[in-house]
Structure formats: structure tokens, C-alpha cells
Protein backbone atom coordinates (compact mmCIF):
# COMPACT_ATOMS: atom_id res chain seq x y z
CA UNK A 1 83.07 94.84 105.21
CA UNK A 2 79.54 95.65 105.87
CA UNK A 3 78.84 93.03 107.10
CA UNK A 4 81.77 93.51 109.59
CA UNK A 5 80.39 96.87 110.58
CA UNK A 6 76.94 95.87 111.04
CA UNK A 7 78.47 92.97 113.48
CA UNK A 8 80.08 96.24 115.04
CA UNK A 9 77.51 98.21 115.20
CA UNK A 10 75.17 95.59 116.91
CA UNK A 11 77.66 94.64 119.33
CA UNK A 12 78.14 98.61 120.21
CA UNK A 13 74.39 99.17 120.57
CA UNK A 14 74.26 95.63 123.26
CA UNK A 15 77.13 97.28 125.29
CA UNK A 16 75.59 100.10 124.81
CA UNK A 17 72.18 98.85 125.91
CA UNK A 18 73.27 96.86 129.00
CA UNK A 19 75.45 99.86 130.50
CA UNK A 20 72.51 101.78 129.96
CA UNK A 21 69.76 98.90 131.78
CA UNK A 22 68.49 100.92 134.37
CA UNK A 23 69.12 99.98 137.82
CA UNK A 24 66.07 99.33 139.93
CA UNK A 25 64.16 98.29 143.04
CA UNK A 26 65.07 94.48 142.75
CA UNK A 27 68.23 95.62 142.16
CA UNK A 28 68.61 97.66 145.22
CA UNK A 29 67.03 95.05 147.24
CA UNK A 30 69.60 92.55 145.90
CA UNK A 31 72.61 94.40 146.77
CA UNK A 32 71.68 95.54 149.92
CA UNK A 33 70.20 92.12 151.54
CA UNK A 34 73.56 90.60 149.58
CA UNK A 35 75.85 90.46 152.88
CA UNK A 36 75.19 87.69 155.63
CA UNK A 37 76.55 90.87 158.04
CA UNK A 38 76.97 94.70 157.96
CA UNK A 39 78.49 96.49 160.80
CA UNK A 40 80.04 99.89 161.40
CA UNK A 41 78.92 103.14 163.10
CA UNK A 42 76.05 105.58 162.90
CA UNK A 43 75.99 109.25 163.81
CA UNK A 44 72.49 110.58 164.11
CA UNK A 45 70.89 113.64 164.46
CA UNK A 46 67.81 115.31 165.42
CA UNK A 47 67.06 118.91 164.50
CA UNK A 48 64.03 120.31 166.36
CA UNK A 49 62.73 123.51 165.20
CA UNK A 50 62.76 124.42 169.19
CA UNK A 51 66.40 123.89 169.86
CA UNK A 52 69.26 126.00 167.48
CA UNK A 53 71.37 122.59 167.59
CA UNK A 54 71.06 118.92 166.85
CA UNK A 55 70.46 116.94 169.43
CA UNK A 56 73.10 114.01 168.19
CA UNK A 57 74.18 110.64 168.95
CA UNK A 58 76.56 108.29 167.81
CA UNK A 59 77.23 104.49 168.45
CA UNK A 60 77.57 100.86 166.47
CA UNK A 61 75.38 98.90 164.83
CA UNK A 62 74.89 95.00 163.58
CA UNK A 63 72.38 94.21 160.70
CA UNK A 64 72.50 90.32 160.27
CA UNK A 65 70.20 89.41 157.50
CA UNK A 66 69.02 86.32 159.31
CA UNK A 67 68.63 87.41 162.57
CA UNK A 68 67.63 91.03 163.06
CA UNK A 69 69.32 94.47 164.28
CA UNK A 70 71.29 95.25 166.91
CA UNK A 71 71.33 99.23 167.81
CA UNK A 72 73.96 100.21 170.34
CA UNK A 73 73.91 103.42 171.43
CA UNK A 74 76.71 105.15 172.75
CA UNK A 75 76.83 108.83 173.37
CA UNK A 76 75.04 110.73 174.40
CA UNK A 77 74.39 107.66 177.24
CA UNK A 78 74.89 103.81 176.67
CA UNK A 79 71.95 101.99 175.66
CA UNK A 80 71.45 98.66 173.38
CA UNK A 81 68.30 97.85 171.50
CA UNK A 82 67.60 94.95 169.60
CA UNK A 83 65.24 94.99 166.26
CA UNK A 84 64.09 90.89 165.26
CA UNK A 85 61.07 89.65 163.97
CA UNK A 86 59.94 89.50 167.52
CA UNK A 87 59.72 92.77 167.88
CA UNK A 88 61.97 95.35 169.38
CA UNK A 89 63.80 95.01 172.74
CA UNK A 90 66.05 97.18 174.46
CA UNK A 91 68.69 95.64 177.28
CA UNK A 92 68.73 96.28 181.04
CA UNK A 93 70.58 94.77 183.81
CA UNK A 94 68.25 91.77 183.67
CA UNK A 95 68.75 91.16 179.74
CA UNK A 96 66.75 91.95 177.41
CA UNK A 97 63.51 93.02 177.69
CA UNK A 98 60.79 93.52 174.71
CA UNK A 99 59.03 96.98 174.58
CA UNK A 100 55.18 97.89 173.68
CA UNK A 101 54.40 97.66 169.79
CA UNK A 102 53.77 100.72 169.75
CA UNK A 103 56.29 102.79 172.22
CA UNK A 104 57.52 105.75 170.89
CA UNK A 105 59.73 105.42 167.75
CA UNK A 106 59.16 101.78 167.28
CA UNK A 107 57.47 102.80 163.66
CA UNK A 108 60.87 104.42 162.70
CA UNK A 109 63.06 102.01 163.93
CA UNK A 110 61.16 98.99 162.15
CA UNK A 111 61.41 101.83 158.83
CA UNK A 112 65.40 101.63 159.71
CA UNK A 113 65.71 97.91 159.66
CA UNK A 114 63.66 97.62 156.33
CA UNK A 115 65.80 100.68 154.30
CA UNK A 116 69.04 98.97 155.93
CA UNK A 117 68.01 95.33 154.72
CA UNK A 118 66.84 96.64 151.04
CA UNK A 119 63.45 95.24 151.64
CA UNK A 120 61.72 97.15 148.74
CA UNK A 121 59.09 95.09 148.99
CA UNK A 122 58.05 96.01 152.11
CA UNK A 123 58.70 99.52 151.95
CA UNK A 124 56.13 99.77 148.73
CA UNK A 125 53.06 98.76 150.78
CA UNK A 126 53.82 102.45 153.01
CA UNK A 127 55.27 104.24 150.41
CA UNK A 128 55.63 105.36 147.32
CA UNK A 129 59.43 104.39 145.91
CA UNK A 130 61.84 106.70 143.61
CA UNK A 131 64.74 106.03 142.63
CA UNK A 132 67.87 107.43 140.58
CA UNK A 133 71.56 106.59 140.04
CA UNK A 134 72.89 103.23 139.80
CA UNK A 135 74.82 100.58 142.19
CA UNK A 136 77.84 102.79 143.55
CA UNK A 137 75.55 105.57 144.27
CA UNK A 138 71.85 106.08 144.40
CA UNK A 139 69.23 108.00 145.68
CA UNK A 140 66.15 106.69 146.94
CA UNK A 141 63.02 108.84 148.32
CA UNK A 142 59.47 107.41 149.91
CA UNK A 143 56.76 109.17 149.84
CA UNK A 144 54.10 108.61 152.37
CA UNK A 145 51.05 106.41 150.92
CA UNK A 146 48.58 106.03 154.30
CA UNK A 147 47.34 109.09 156.11
CA UNK A 148 48.76 107.98 159.04
CA UNK A 149 52.44 108.12 158.05
CA UNK A 150 51.83 111.64 156.17
CA UNK A 151 51.01 112.42 159.59
CA UNK A 152 54.25 112.11 160.68
CA UNK A 153 56.52 111.83 157.49
CA UNK A 154 56.28 114.31 155.02
CA UNK A 155 59.57 112.19 153.15
CA UNK A 156 61.91 109.99 153.25
CA UNK A 157 65.50 110.50 151.46
CA UNK A 158 68.33 107.82 151.51
CA UNK A 159 71.86 107.42 150.19
CA UNK A 160 73.90 104.84 149.58
CA UNK A 161 76.63 102.82 147.43
CA UNK A 162 77.06 99.57 148.21
CA UNK A 163 75.94 100.15 151.45
CA UNK A 164 73.12 102.59 153.03
CA UNK A 165 75.29 105.48 153.69
CA UNK A 166 72.54 108.33 154.55
CA UNK A 167 68.78 108.78 156.16
CA UNK A 168 66.91 112.03 156.55
CA UNK A 169 63.75 111.34 158.15
CA UNK A 170 62.10 115.24 157.61
CA UNK A 171 58.63 115.26 159.43
CA UNK A 172 55.41 117.67 158.45
CA UNK A 173 55.96 119.25 162.01
CA UNK A 174 59.04 120.35 160.59
CA UNK A 175 61.74 118.66 162.92
CA UNK A 176 64.42 116.41 161.30
CA UNK A 177 66.16 113.39 161.56
CA UNK A 178 69.57 112.53 159.57
CA UNK A 179 70.92 109.32 160.07
CA UNK A 180 74.81 108.84 158.58
CA UNK A 181 76.69 104.99 158.32
CA UNK A 182 79.94 106.52 157.30
CA UNK A 183 81.94 103.20 156.98
CA UNK A 184 79.87 100.24 157.17
CA UNK A 185 81.80 96.99 156.30
CA UNK A 186 80.21 93.35 155.60
CA UNK A 187 81.28 89.87 157.47
CA UNK A 188 80.27 86.82 156.66
CA UNK A 189 79.07 85.95 159.97
CA UNK A 190 78.19 87.41 163.11
CA UNK A 191 80.82 87.26 166.40
CA UNK A 192 80.77 85.46 169.23
CA UNK A 193 78.66 88.23 171.39
CA UNK A 194 76.71 89.40 168.86
CA UNK A 195 75.86 85.83 168.43
CA UNK A 196 74.30 85.48 171.98
CA UNK A 197 73.02 89.19 171.63
CA UNK A 198 70.59 87.56 169.28
CA UNK A 199 70.33 84.41 170.88
CA UNK A 200 68.98 85.92 174.23
């Protein structure tokens, strides 16, 4: 009877240990990097100290693990962006045009890309990362390491579950940006239009 109780106790402790196992950065990277394609709507709010109301923009995004990120702005104006290994491109009537590497917002766009893709190793080069929660509901805080980033960002807070759901960038000057992706979904592959956009 004592042997049975010990066995049951050991099994219970093993199960509890499994449940208590910490959800770490490697787990988060694997979870976010697993889907081949993630897409959905986004709502971005830019809070400026000089304005009483935030500037709101909306659109759709497509994140393809093997290709890059399509950022399709729909309001207040229509403008398409593509972020991939070659850099950032903007679509105009003549097709995709690569933007200069030091263009305004390029660093922020690359950061979004790394976050959405779950590239924790890339983020760790520039930030101290603090993760809380579990696979269903987690919070990740990024605190800048480099002097250059410290001049721009105070901290970046990211919340999510299966996918990234909310990103808040707090800037040192008091402005902030909140990006919400309320209903993202995964897909096994790109559709024909998305494939053409990445191929051009």
C-alpha cells in the first residue's frame, strides 16, 4: 500500500511539475514561428502629446514565414508596404519601390516584423526581454539596451496568445503607439495575389 501511495505521489508530482513548467522565450518563439502564414486586420493608434485624440489607421497584414510581411493600409489612406530580407518597399503605380534603409519608421517596421515572427534571438540583440504568462495568454516586455534605442523607446509591451494580439510602444518623449490585431488567423500557404506581391 505504501509503495502504491509513493508511486501515486511521484506521478502527481511529475504531473504538477509539467503543469508548472515555465513558458519561456524559446516556447514563445516556437509558437509564433510555427504557422506558415498569419493574416488578419490591424488597428494602429498613434498617441501624440500635442493632439487630444489619437491618429487611427486600419488595414490588413499578411505575415509569411518564408517571405516577409505585407502591411496593407486601408484608412485614412490606401498604402501598401512590404518588409522582407531586402528591406522595406512601398507600392506605387509603377510597382514596388524599395525605401532607403534609414527612412523614417524603418526600424519600427523591422521591430514589428521580429515581434510578429517570434524572433526572440533577434530581439535579444537590442532589448532585455521579460516574459510572463503561459501559451494561452502571455506578456512580453522589451527594454532597450543600446543608447540609440533608449533615445527612441522607453519600453515595448506585447500581449498575445496563439498569435500576437497587441503591441504598445512607449517613446521616451511621451508619445506612444498601440497596435492591435484582434482576429488573426493562420493559413497553410499564400493565395495567388499575396504570392505575386512577394515575388515582385
